[in-house]
PDB file of all heavy atoms in Angstrom:
ATOM      1  N   ALA A   1     146.747  79.144 117.570  1.00  0.00           N
ATOM      2  CA  ALA A   1     146.719  80.570 117.831  1.00  0.00           C
ATOM      3  C   ALA A   1     146.866  81.331 116.522  1.00  0.00           C
ATOM      4  O   ALA A   1     147.775  81.036 115.723  1.00  0.00           O
ATOM      5  CB  ALA A   1     147.849  80.943 118.779  1.00  0.00           C
ATOM      6  N   ALA A   2     145.989  82.301 116.317  1.00  0.00           N
ATOM      7  CA  ALA A   2     146.003  83.092 115.091  1.00  0.00           C
ATOM      8  C   ALA A   2     146.405  84.524 115.383  1.00  0.00           C
ATOM      9  O   ALA A   2     146.020  85.091 116.399  1.00  0.00           O
ATOM     10  CB  ALA A   2     144.626  83.060 114.439  1.00  0.00           C
ATOM     11  N   SER A   3     147.178  85.078 114.486  1.00  0.00           N
ATOM     12  CA  SER A   3     147.542  86.495 114.599  1.00  0.00           C
ATOM     13  C   SER A   3     147.449  87.122 113.224  1.00  0.00           C
ATOM     14  O   SER A   3     147.563  86.446 112.201  1.00  0.00           O
ATOM     15  CB  SER A   3     148.950  86.654 115.159  1.00  0.00           C
ATOM     16  OG  SER A   3     149.886  86.027 114.303  1.00  0.00           O
ATOM     17  N   GLY A   4     147.246  88.427 113.212  1.00  0.00           N
ATOM     18  CA  GLY A   4     147.133  89.110 111.933  1.00  0.00           C
ATOM     19  C   GLY A   4     145.778  89.763 111.786  1.00  0.00           C
ATOM     20  O   GLY A   4     145.369  90.533 112.639  1.00  0.00           O
ATOM     21  N   ARG A   5     145.088  89.411 110.724  1.00  0.00           N
ATOM     22  CA  ARG A   5     143.805  90.040 110.433  1.00  0.00           C
ATOM     23  C   ARG A   5     142.708  89.585 111.390  1.00  0.00           C
ATOM     24  O   ARG A   5     142.913  88.731 112.228  1.00  0.00           O
ATOM     25  CB  ARG A   5     143.411  89.702 108.985  1.00  0.00           C
ATOM     26  CG  ARG A   5     144.348  90.291 107.943  1.00  0.00           C
ATOM     27  CD  ARG A   5     144.204  91.786 107.807  1.00  0.00           C
ATOM     28  NE  ARG A   5     145.048  92.357 106.772  1.00  0.00           N
ATOM     29  CZ  ARG A   5     144.672  92.487 105.516  1.00  0.00           C
ATOM     30  NH1 ARG A   5     143.481  92.065 105.136  1.00  0.00           N
ATOM     31  NH2 ARG A   5     145.482  93.027 104.638  1.00  0.00           N
ATOM     32  N   THR A   6     141.530  90.136 111.257  1.00  0.00           N
ATOM     33  CA  THR A   6     140.396  89.819 112.107  1.00  0.00           C
ATOM     34  C   THR A   6     140.076  88.332 112.049  1.00  0.00           C
ATOM     35  O   THR A   6     139.728  87.795 110.996  1.00  0.00           O
ATOM     36  CB  THR A   6     139.172  90.626 111.661  1.00  0.00           C
ATOM     37  OG1 THR A   6     139.511  92.011 111.677  1.00  0.00           O
ATOM     38  CG2 THR A   6     138.010  90.377 112.603  1.00  0.00           C
ATOM     39  N   PHE A   7     140.190  87.663 113.190  1.00  0.00           N
ATOM     40  CA  PHE A   7     140.067  86.211 113.238  1.00  0.00           C
ATOM     41  C   PHE A   7     138.699  85.741 112.783  1.00  0.00           C
ATOM     42  O   PHE A   7     138.574  84.698 112.139  1.00  0.00           O
ATOM     43  CB  PHE A   7     140.372  85.729 114.652  1.00  0.00           C
ATOM     44  CG  PHE A   7     140.392  84.245 114.801  1.00  0.00           C
ATOM     45  CD1 PHE A   7     141.243  83.460 114.037  1.00  0.00           C
ATOM     46  CD2 PHE A   7     139.551  83.622 115.713  1.00  0.00           C
ATOM     47  CE1 PHE A   7     141.265  82.087 114.176  1.00  0.00           C
ATOM     48  CE2 PHE A   7     139.558  82.251 115.866  1.00  0.00           C
ATOM     49  CZ  PHE A   7     140.420  81.478 115.094  1.00  0.00           C
ATOM     50  N   SER A   8     137.663  86.483 113.105  1.00  0.00           N
ATOM     51  CA  SER A   8     136.313  86.054 112.723  1.00  0.00           C
ATOM     52  C   SER A   8     136.068  86.147 111.218  1.00  0.00           C
ATOM     53  O   SER A   8     135.007  85.751 110.743  1.00  0.00           O
ATOM     54  CB  SER A   8     135.262  86.880 113.474  1.00  0.00           C
ATOM     55  OG  SER A   8     135.410  88.247 113.186  1.00  0.00           O
ATOM     56  N   ASN A   9     137.010  86.652 110.473  1.00  0.00           N
ATOM     57  CA  ASN A   9     136.903  86.646 109.013  1.00  0.00           C
ATOM     58  C   ASN A   9     137.170  85.266 108.414  1.00  0.00           C
ATOM     59  O   ASN A   9     136.927  85.051 107.229  1.00  0.00           O
ATOM     60  CB  ASN A   9     137.899  87.631 108.388  1.00  0.00           C
ATOM     61  CG  ASN A   9     137.434  89.068 108.505  1.00  0.00           C
ATOM     62  OD1 ASN A   9     136.297  89.333 108.905  1.00  0.00           O
ATOM     63  ND2 ASN A   9     138.307  89.995 108.183  1.00  0.00           N
ATOM     64  N   TYR A  10     137.682  84.341 109.261  1.00  0.00           N
ATOM     65  CA  TYR A  10     138.176  83.073 108.738  1.00  0.00           C
ATOM     66  C   TYR A  10     137.374  81.889 109.246  1.00  0.00           C
ATOM     67  O   TYR A  10     137.238  81.697 110.453  1.00  0.00           O
ATOM     68  CB  TYR A  10     139.639  82.881 109.133  1.00  0.00           C
ATOM     69  CG  TYR A  10     140.539  83.955 108.582  1.00  0.00           C
ATOM     70  CD1 TYR A  10     140.715  85.149 109.278  1.00  0.00           C
ATOM     71  CD2 TYR A  10     141.178  83.783 107.364  1.00  0.00           C
ATOM     72  CE1 TYR A  10     141.519  86.154 108.753  1.00  0.00           C
ATOM     73  CE2 TYR A  10     141.984  84.775 106.839  1.00  0.00           C
ATOM     74  CZ  TYR A  10     142.147  85.953 107.539  1.00  0.00           C
ATOM     75  OH  TYR A  10     142.927  86.942 107.027  1.00  0.00           O
ATOM     76  N   ALA A  11     136.880  81.081 108.314  1.00  0.00           N
ATOM     77  CA  ALA A  11     136.486  79.737 108.687  1.00  0.00           C
ATOM     78  C   ALA A  11     137.769  78.968 108.977  1.00  0.00           C
ATOM     79  O   ALA A  11     138.798  79.198 108.327  1.00  0.00           O
ATOM     80  CB  ALA A  11     135.714  79.068 107.554  1.00  0.00           C
ATOM     81  N   MET A  12     137.713  78.079 109.943  1.00  0.00           N
ATOM     82  CA  MET A  12     138.919  77.378 110.361  1.00  0.00           C
ATOM     83  C   MET A  12     138.740  75.874 110.227  1.00  0.00           C
ATOM     84  O   MET A  12     137.640  75.337 110.424  1.00  0.00           O
ATOM     85  CB  MET A  12     139.250  77.725 111.808  1.00  0.00           C
ATOM     86  CG  MET A  12     139.528  79.203 112.048  1.00  0.00           C
ATOM     87  SD  MET A  12     140.950  79.816 111.124  1.00  0.00           S
ATOM     88  CE  MET A  12     142.266  78.865 111.866  1.00  0.00           C
ATOM     89  N   GLY A  13     139.839  75.212 109.927  1.00  0.00           N
ATOM     90  CA  GLY A  13     139.785  73.772 109.788  1.00  0.00           C
ATOM     91  C   GLY A  13     140.996  73.108 110.410  1.00  0.00           C
ATOM     92  O   GLY A  13     142.024  73.751 110.649  1.00  0.00           O
ATOM     93  N   TRP A  14     140.833  71.836 110.690  1.00  0.00           N
ATOM     94  CA  TRP A  14     141.947  70.971 111.102  1.00  0.00           C
ATOM     95  C   TRP A  14     142.088  69.864 110.065  1.00  0.00           C
ATOM     96  O   TRP A  14     141.092  69.255 109.646  1.00  0.00           O
ATOM     97  CB  TRP A  14     141.703  70.353 112.468  1.00  0.00           C
ATOM     98  CG  TRP A  14     141.861  71.295 113.610  1.00  0.00           C
ATOM     99  CD1 TRP A  14     140.874  71.986 114.263  1.00  0.00           C
ATOM    100  CD2 TRP A  14     143.088  71.649 114.274  1.00  0.00           C
ATOM    101  NE1 TRP A  14     141.408  72.752 115.266  1.00  0.00           N
ATOM    102  CE2 TRP A  14     142.764  72.553 115.302  1.00  0.00           C
ATOM    103  CE3 TRP A  14     144.429  71.279 114.099  1.00  0.00           C
ATOM    104  CZ2 TRP A  14     143.725  73.104 116.147  1.00  0.00           C
ATOM    105  CZ3 TRP A  14     145.382  71.826 114.935  1.00  0.00           C
ATOM    106  CH2 TRP A  14     145.038  72.729 115.949  1.00  0.00           C
ATOM    107  N   PHE A  15     143.314  69.616 109.672  1.00  0.00           N
ATOM    108  CA  PHE A  15     143.657  68.543 108.751  1.00  0.00           C
ATOM    109  C   PHE A  15     144.770  67.718 109.374  1.00  0.00           C
ATOM    110  O   PHE A  15     145.430  68.158 110.304  1.00  0.00           O
ATOM    111  CB  PHE A  15     144.132  69.112 107.407  1.00  0.00           C
ATOM    112  CG  PHE A  15     143.025  69.718 106.586  1.00  0.00           C
ATOM    113  CD1 PHE A  15     142.504  70.962 106.907  1.00  0.00           C
ATOM    114  CD2 PHE A  15     142.499  69.050 105.492  1.00  0.00           C
ATOM    115  CE1 PHE A  15     141.481  71.529 106.164  1.00  0.00           C
ATOM    116  CE2 PHE A  15     141.479  69.604 104.733  1.00  0.00           C
ATOM    117  CZ  PHE A  15     140.968  70.847 105.077  1.00  0.00           C
ATOM    118  N   ARG A  16     144.986  66.542 108.843  1.00  0.00           N
ATOM    119  CA  ARG A  16     146.094  65.721 109.312  1.00  0.00           C
ATOM    120  C   ARG A  16     146.739  65.011 108.131  1.00  0.00           C
ATOM    121  O   ARG A  16     146.109  64.798 107.089  1.00  0.00           O
ATOM    122  CB  ARG A  16     145.638  64.720 110.370  1.00  0.00           C
ATOM    123  CG  ARG A  16     144.649  63.673 109.880  1.00  0.00           C
ATOM    124  CD  ARG A  16     144.118  62.875 111.068  1.00  0.00           C
ATOM    125  NE  ARG A  16     143.203  61.813 110.636  1.00  0.00           N
ATOM    126  CZ  ARG A  16     142.496  61.075 111.488  1.00  0.00           C
ATOM    127  NH1 ARG A  16     142.591  61.278 112.800  1.00  0.00           N
ATOM    128  NH2 ARG A  16     141.698  60.124 111.012  1.00  0.00           N
ATOM    129  N   GLN A  17     147.994  64.653 108.332  1.00  0.00           N
ATOM    130  CA  GLN A  17     148.750  64.029 107.257  1.00  0.00           C
ATOM    131  C   GLN A  17     149.757  63.044 107.821  1.00  0.00           C
ATOM    132  O   GLN A  17     150.425  63.339 108.823  1.00  0.00           O
ATOM    133  CB  GLN A  17     149.469  65.096 106.424  1.00  0.00           C
ATOM    134  CG  GLN A  17     150.088  64.571 105.141  1.00  0.00           C
ATOM    135  CD  GLN A  17     150.570  65.708 104.252  1.00  0.00           C
ATOM    136  OE1 GLN A  17     150.860  66.813 104.714  1.00  0.00           O
ATOM    137  NE2 GLN A  17     150.654  65.446 102.957  1.00  0.00           N
ATOM    138  N   THR A  18     149.841  61.892 107.171  1.00  0.00           N
ATOM    139  CA  THR A  18     150.864  60.901 107.492  1.00  0.00           C
ATOM    140  C   THR A  18     151.775  60.761 106.284  1.00  0.00           C
ATOM    141  O   THR A  18     151.384  61.088 105.155  1.00  0.00           O
ATOM    142  CB  THR A  18     150.230  59.554 107.854  1.00  0.00           C
ATOM    143  OG1 THR A  18     149.350  59.149 106.780  1.00  0.00           O
ATOM    144  CG2 THR A  18     149.430  59.648 109.134  1.00  0.00           C
ATOM    145  N   PRO A  19     152.995  60.266 106.489  1.00  0.00           N
ATOM    146  CA  PRO A  19     153.959  60.179 105.383  1.00  0.00           C
ATOM    147  C   PRO A  19     153.410  59.384 104.206  1.00  0.00           C
ATOM    148  O   PRO A  19     152.847  58.301 104.368  1.00  0.00           O
ATOM    149  CB  PRO A  19     155.158  59.478 106.023  1.00  0.00           C
ATOM    150  CG  PRO A  19     155.071  59.838 107.459  1.00  0.00           C
ATOM    151  CD  PRO A  19     153.598  59.876 107.774  1.00  0.00           C
ATOM    152  N   GLY A  20     153.568  59.962 103.028  1.00  0.00           N
ATOM    153  CA  GLY A  20     153.146  59.275 101.816  1.00  0.00           C
ATOM    154  C   GLY A  20     151.681  59.395 101.485  1.00  0.00           C
ATOM    155  O   GLY A  20     151.227  58.861 100.467  1.00  0.00           O
ATOM    156  N   LYS A  21     150.932  60.105 102.329  1.00  0.00           N
ATOM    157  CA  LYS A  21     149.496  60.254 102.092  1.00  0.00           C
ATOM    158  C   LYS A  21     149.140  61.726 101.930  1.00  0.00           C
ATOM    159  O   LYS A  21     149.859  62.613 102.387  1.00  0.00           O
ATOM    160  CB  LYS A  21     148.691  59.647 103.239  1.00  0.00           C
ATOM    161  CG  LYS A  21     148.809  58.134 103.336  1.00  0.00           C
ATOM    162  CD  LYS A  21     147.821  57.580 104.345  1.00  0.00           C
ATOM    163  CE  LYS A  21     147.875  56.065 104.385  1.00  0.00           C
ATOM    164  NZ  LYS A  21     146.887  55.499 105.346  1.00  0.00           N
ATOM    165  N   GLU A  22     147.998  61.952 101.297  1.00  0.00           N
ATOM    166  CA  GLU A  22     147.529  63.323 101.131  1.00  0.00           C
ATOM    167  C   GLU A  22     146.991  63.858 102.457  1.00  0.00           C
ATOM    168  O   GLU A  22     146.594  63.092 103.347  1.00  0.00           O
ATOM    169  CB  GLU A  22     146.435  63.381 100.071  1.00  0.00           C
ATOM    170  CG  GLU A  22     146.929  63.064  98.668  1.00  0.00           C
ATOM    171  CD  GLU A  22     145.880  63.322  97.612  1.00  0.00           C
ATOM    172  OE1 GLU A  22     144.751  63.691  97.977  1.00  0.00           O
ATOM    173  OE2 GLU A  22     146.200  63.155  96.435  1.00  0.00           O
ATOM    174  N   ARG A  23     146.975  65.179 102.542  1.00  0.00           N
ATOM    175  CA  ARG A  23     146.422  65.811 103.728  1.00  0.00           C
ATOM    176  C   ARG A  23     144.924  65.505 103.804  1.00  0.00           C
ATOM    177  O   ARG A  23     144.205  65.637 102.826  1.00  0.00           O
ATOM    178  CB  ARG A  23     146.680  67.307 103.663  1.00  0.00           C
ATOM    179  CG  ARG A  23     146.616  68.011 104.968  1.00  0.00           C
ATOM    180  CD  ARG A  23     147.288  69.365 104.885  1.00  0.00           C
ATOM    181  NE  ARG A  23     148.730  69.251 104.788  1.00  0.00           N
ATOM    182  CZ  ARG A  23     149.562  70.282 104.872  1.00  0.00           C
ATOM    183  NH1 ARG A  23     149.086  71.502 105.050  1.00  0.00           N
ATOM    184  NH2 ARG A  23     150.862  70.114 104.777  1.00  0.00           N
ATOM    185  N   GLU A  24     144.469  65.116 104.988  1.00  0.00           N
ATOM    186  CA  GLU A  24     143.117  64.612 105.189  1.00  0.00           C
ATOM    187  C   GLU A  24     142.315  65.578 106.058  1.00  0.00           C
ATOM    188  O   GLU A  24     142.799  66.018 107.111  1.00  0.00           O
ATOM    189  CB  GLU A  24     143.195  63.238 105.872  1.00  0.00           C
ATOM    190  CG  GLU A  24     141.883  62.639 106.277  1.00  0.00           C
ATOM    191  CD  GLU A  24     142.063  61.409 107.162  1.00  0.00           C
ATOM    192  OE1 GLU A  24     143.118  61.304 107.834  1.00  0.00           O
ATOM    193  OE2 GLU A  24     141.150  60.566 107.185  1.00  0.00           O
ATOM    194  N   PHE A  25     141.085  65.870 105.642  1.00  0.00           N
ATOM    195  CA  PHE A  25     140.193  66.708 106.421  1.00  0.00           C
ATOM    196  C   PHE A  25     139.833  66.025 107.733  1.00  0.00           C
ATOM    197  O   PHE A  25     139.530  64.827 107.761  1.00  0.00           O
ATOM    198  CB  PHE A  25     138.929  66.991 105.609  1.00  0.00           C
ATOM    199  CG  PHE A  25     137.836  67.655 106.392  1.00  0.00           C
ATOM    200  CD1 PHE A  25     137.921  69.004 106.718  1.00  0.00           C
ATOM    201  CD2 PHE A  25     136.731  66.934 106.815  1.00  0.00           C
ATOM    202  CE1 PHE A  25     136.916  69.618 107.434  1.00  0.00           C
ATOM    203  CE2 PHE A  25     135.716  67.539 107.530  1.00  0.00           C
ATOM    204  CZ  PHE A  25     135.817  68.879 107.836  1.00  0.00           C
ATOM    205  N   VAL A  26     139.840  66.801 108.816  1.00  0.00           N
ATOM    206  CA  VAL A  26     139.441  66.283 110.118  1.00  0.00           C
ATOM    207  C   VAL A  26     138.177  66.990 110.609  1.00  0.00           C
ATOM    208  O   VAL A  26     137.184  66.337 110.947  1.00  0.00           O
ATOM    209  CB  VAL A  26     140.575  66.461 111.142  1.00  0.00           C
ATOM    210  CG1 VAL A  26     140.113  66.039 112.533  1.00  0.00           C
ATOM    211  CG2 VAL A  26     141.817  65.672 110.721  1.00  0.00           C
ATOM    212  N   ALA A  27     138.230  68.314 110.659  1.00  0.00           N
ATOM    213  CA  ALA A  27     137.091  69.069 111.190  1.00  0.00           C
ATOM    214  C   ALA A  27     137.176  70.510 110.714  1.00  0.00           C
ATOM    215  O   ALA A  27     138.260  70.993 110.362  1.00  0.00           O
ATOM    216  CB  ALA A  27     137.060  69.020 112.709  1.00  0.00           C
ATOM    217  N   ALA A  28     136.028  71.191 110.697  1.00  0.00           N
ATOM    218  CA  ALA A  28     135.987  72.596 110.331  1.00  0.00           C
ATOM    219  C   ALA A  28     134.925  73.311 111.150  1.00  0.00           C
ATOM    220  O   ALA A  28     133.962  72.680 111.625  1.00  0.00           O
ATOM    221  CB  ALA A  28     135.706  72.762 108.841  1.00  0.00           C
ATOM    222  N   ILE A  29     135.108  74.611 111.297  1.00  0.00           N
ATOM    223  CA  ILE A  29     134.154  75.423 112.043  1.00  0.00           C
ATOM    224  C   ILE A  29     133.965  76.736 111.308  1.00  0.00           C
ATOM    225  O   ILE A  29     134.923  77.308 110.778  1.00  0.00           O
ATOM    226  CB  ILE A  29     134.640  75.624 113.491  1.00  0.00           C
ATOM    227  CG1 ILE A  29     133.559  76.281 114.346  1.00  0.00           C
ATOM    228  CG2 ILE A  29     135.954  76.390 113.548  1.00  0.00           C
ATOM    229  CD1 ILE A  29     133.843  76.181 115.853  1.00  0.00           C
ATOM    230  N   SER A  30     132.734  77.200 111.246  1.00  0.00           N
ATOM    231  CA  SER A  30     132.430  78.427 110.529  1.00  0.00           C
ATOM    232  C   SER A  30     132.954  79.634 111.287  1.00  0.00           C
ATOM    233  O   SER A  30     133.422  79.541 112.420  1.00  0.00           O
ATOM    234  CB  SER A  30     130.918  78.533 110.308  1.00  0.00           C
ATOM    235  OG  SER A  30     130.236  78.536 111.553  1.00  0.00           O
ATOM    236  N   ARG A  31     132.853  80.778 110.659  1.00  0.00           N
ATOM    237  CA  ARG A  31     133.494  81.991 111.163  1.00  0.00           C
ATOM    238  C   ARG A  31     133.064  82.345 112.578  1.00  0.00           C
ATOM    239  O   ARG A  31     133.870  82.812 113.381  1.00  0.00           O
ATOM    240  CB  ARG A  31     133.191  83.146 110.217  1.00  0.00           C
ATOM    241  CG  ARG A  31     133.909  83.063 108.891  1.00  0.00           C
ATOM    242  CD  ARG A  31     133.376  84.095 107.924  1.00  0.00           C
ATOM    243  NE  ARG A  31     133.508  85.445 108.475  1.00  0.00           N
ATOM    244  CZ  ARG A  31     132.852  86.493 108.011  1.00  0.00           C
ATOM    245  NH1 ARG A  31     131.988  86.349 107.011  1.00  0.00           N
ATOM    246  NH2 ARG A  31     133.040  87.685 108.540  1.00  0.00           N
ATOM    247  N   TYR A  32     131.804  82.174 112.888  1.00  0.00           N
ATOM    248  CA  TYR A  32     131.306  82.537 114.219  1.00  0.00           C
ATOM    249  C   TYR A  32     130.995  81.312 115.076  1.00  0.00           C
ATOM    250  O   TYR A  32     130.373  81.417 116.126  1.00  0.00           O
ATOM    251  CB  TYR A  32     130.086  83.442 114.087  1.00  0.00           C
ATOM    252  CG  TYR A  32     130.442  84.732 113.382  1.00  0.00           C
ATOM    253  CD1 TYR A  32     130.139  84.911 112.039  1.00  0.00           C
ATOM    254  CD2 TYR A  32     131.119  85.743 114.054  1.00  0.00           C
ATOM    255  CE1 TYR A  32     130.489  86.087 111.378  1.00  0.00           C
ATOM    256  CE2 TYR A  32     131.469  86.924 113.410  1.00  0.00           C
ATOM    257  CZ  TYR A  32     131.156  87.085 112.066  1.00  0.00           C
ATOM    258  OH  TYR A  32     131.514  88.241 111.412  1.00  0.00           O
ATOM    259  N   GLY A  33     131.415  80.141 114.606  1.00  0.00           N
ATOM    260  CA  GLY A  33     131.303  78.929 115.411  1.00  0.00           C
ATOM    261  C   GLY A  33     129.944  78.275 115.424  1.00  0.00           C
ATOM    262  O   GLY A  33     129.720  77.343 116.189  1.00  0.00           O
ATOM    263  N   ARG A  34     129.036  78.744 114.566  1.00  0.00           N
ATOM    264  CA  ARG A  34     127.674  78.200 114.624  1.00  0.00           C
ATOM    265  C   ARG A  34     127.542  76.892 113.871  1.00  0.00           C
ATOM    266  O   ARG A  34     126.601  76.129 114.110  1.00  0.00           O
ATOM    267  CB  ARG A  34     126.701  79.225 114.062  1.00  0.00           C
ATOM    268  CG  ARG A  34     126.639  80.500 114.877  1.00  0.00           C
ATOM    269  CD  ARG A  34     125.534  81.433 114.399  1.00  0.00           C
ATOM    270  NE  ARG A  34     125.534  82.689 115.157  1.00  0.00           N
ATOM    271  CZ  ARG A  34     125.996  83.840 114.677  1.00  0.00           C
ATOM    272  NH1 ARG A  34     126.471  83.896 113.455  1.00  0.00           N
ATOM    273  NH2 ARG A  34     125.969  84.925 115.420  1.00  0.00           N
ATOM    274  N   THR A  35     128.455  76.638 112.978  1.00  0.00           N
ATOM    275  CA  THR A  35     128.399  75.421 112.152  1.00  0.00           C
ATOM    276  C   THR A  35     129.716  74.680 112.239  1.00  0.00           C
ATOM    277  O   THR A  35     130.782  75.304 112.188  1.00  0.00           O
ATOM    278  CB  THR A  35     128.110  75.777 110.683  1.00  0.00           C
ATOM    279  OG1 THR A  35     126.950  76.608 110.613  1.00  0.00           O
ATOM    280  CG2 THR A  35     127.877  74.523 109.856  1.00  0.00           C
ATOM    281  N   THR A  36     129.632  73.367 112.398  1.00  0.00           N
ATOM    282  CA  THR A  36     130.826  72.535 112.416  1.00  0.00           C
ATOM    283  C   THR A  36     130.649  71.355 111.458  1.00  0.00           C
ATOM    284  O   THR A  36     129.527  70.997 111.088  1.00  0.00           O
ATOM    285  CB  THR A  36     131.128  71.986 113.815  1.00  0.00           C
ATOM    286  OG1 THR A  36     129.995  71.239 114.281  1.00  0.00           O
ATOM    287  CG2 THR A  36     131.440  73.111 114.797  1.00  0.00           C
ATOM    288  N   ALA A  37     131.760  70.774 111.075  1.00  0.00           N
ATOM    289  CA  ALA A  37     131.753  69.605 110.203  1.00  0.00           C
ATOM    290  C   ALA A  37     132.889  68.688 110.613  1.00  0.00           C
ATOM    291  O   ALA A  37     133.950  69.169 111.066  1.00  0.00           O
ATOM    292  CB  ALA A  37     131.909  70.012 108.742  1.00  0.00           C
ATOM    293  N   TYR A  38     132.673  67.385 110.450  1.00  0.00           N
ATOM    294  CA  TYR A  38     133.670  66.406 110.870  1.00  0.00           C
ATOM    295  C   TYR A  38     133.811  65.312 109.817  1.00  0.00           C
ATOM    296  O   TYR A  38     132.845  64.932 109.153  1.00  0.00           O
ATOM    297  CB  TYR A  38     133.264  65.751 112.185  1.00  0.00           C
ATOM    298  CG  TYR A  38     133.199  66.710 113.351  1.00  0.00           C
ATOM    299  CD1 TYR A  38     132.013  67.349 113.693  1.00  0.00           C
ATOM    300  CD2 TYR A  38     134.342  66.987 114.103  1.00  0.00           C
ATOM    301  CE1 TYR A  38     131.955  68.233 114.753  1.00  0.00           C
ATOM    302  CE2 TYR A  38     134.294  67.878 115.170  1.00  0.00           C
ATOM    303  CZ  TYR A  38     133.101  68.496 115.479  1.00  0.00           C
ATOM    304  OH  TYR A  38     133.057  69.385 116.532  1.00  0.00           O
ATOM    305  N   ALA A  39     135.027  64.779 109.734  1.00  0.00           N
ATOM    306  CA  ALA A  39     135.224  63.565 108.963  1.00  0.00           C
ATOM    307  C   ALA A  39     134.531  62.425 109.687  1.00  0.00           C
ATOM    308  O   ALA A  39     134.463  62.398 110.916  1.00  0.00           O
ATOM    309  CB  ALA A  39     136.713  63.279 108.825  1.00  0.00           C
ATOM    310  N   ASP A  40     134.024  61.463 108.923  1.00  0.00           N
ATOM    311  CA  ASP A  40     133.338  60.331 109.537  1.00  0.00           C
ATOM    312  C   ASP A  40     134.234  59.581 110.520  1.00  0.00           C
ATOM    313  O   ASP A  40     133.766  59.061 111.531  1.00  0.00           O
ATOM    314  CB  ASP A  40     132.865  59.366 108.444  1.00  0.00           C
ATOM    315  CG  ASP A  40     131.691  59.918 107.651  1.00  0.00           C
ATOM    316  OD1 ASP A  40     131.049  60.889 108.119  1.00  0.00           O
ATOM    317  OD2 ASP A  40     131.421  59.388 106.567  1.00  0.00           O
TER     318      ASP A  40
END
């Protein structure tokens, strides 16, 4: 859930992290949802 400025101004992503490891890209979606990207 997002609050604050206009939500459609933001591309959004999901990342994940386990102890001792760097934060890992999972998925992203463009501002209006037309484009998505995923980790393999």
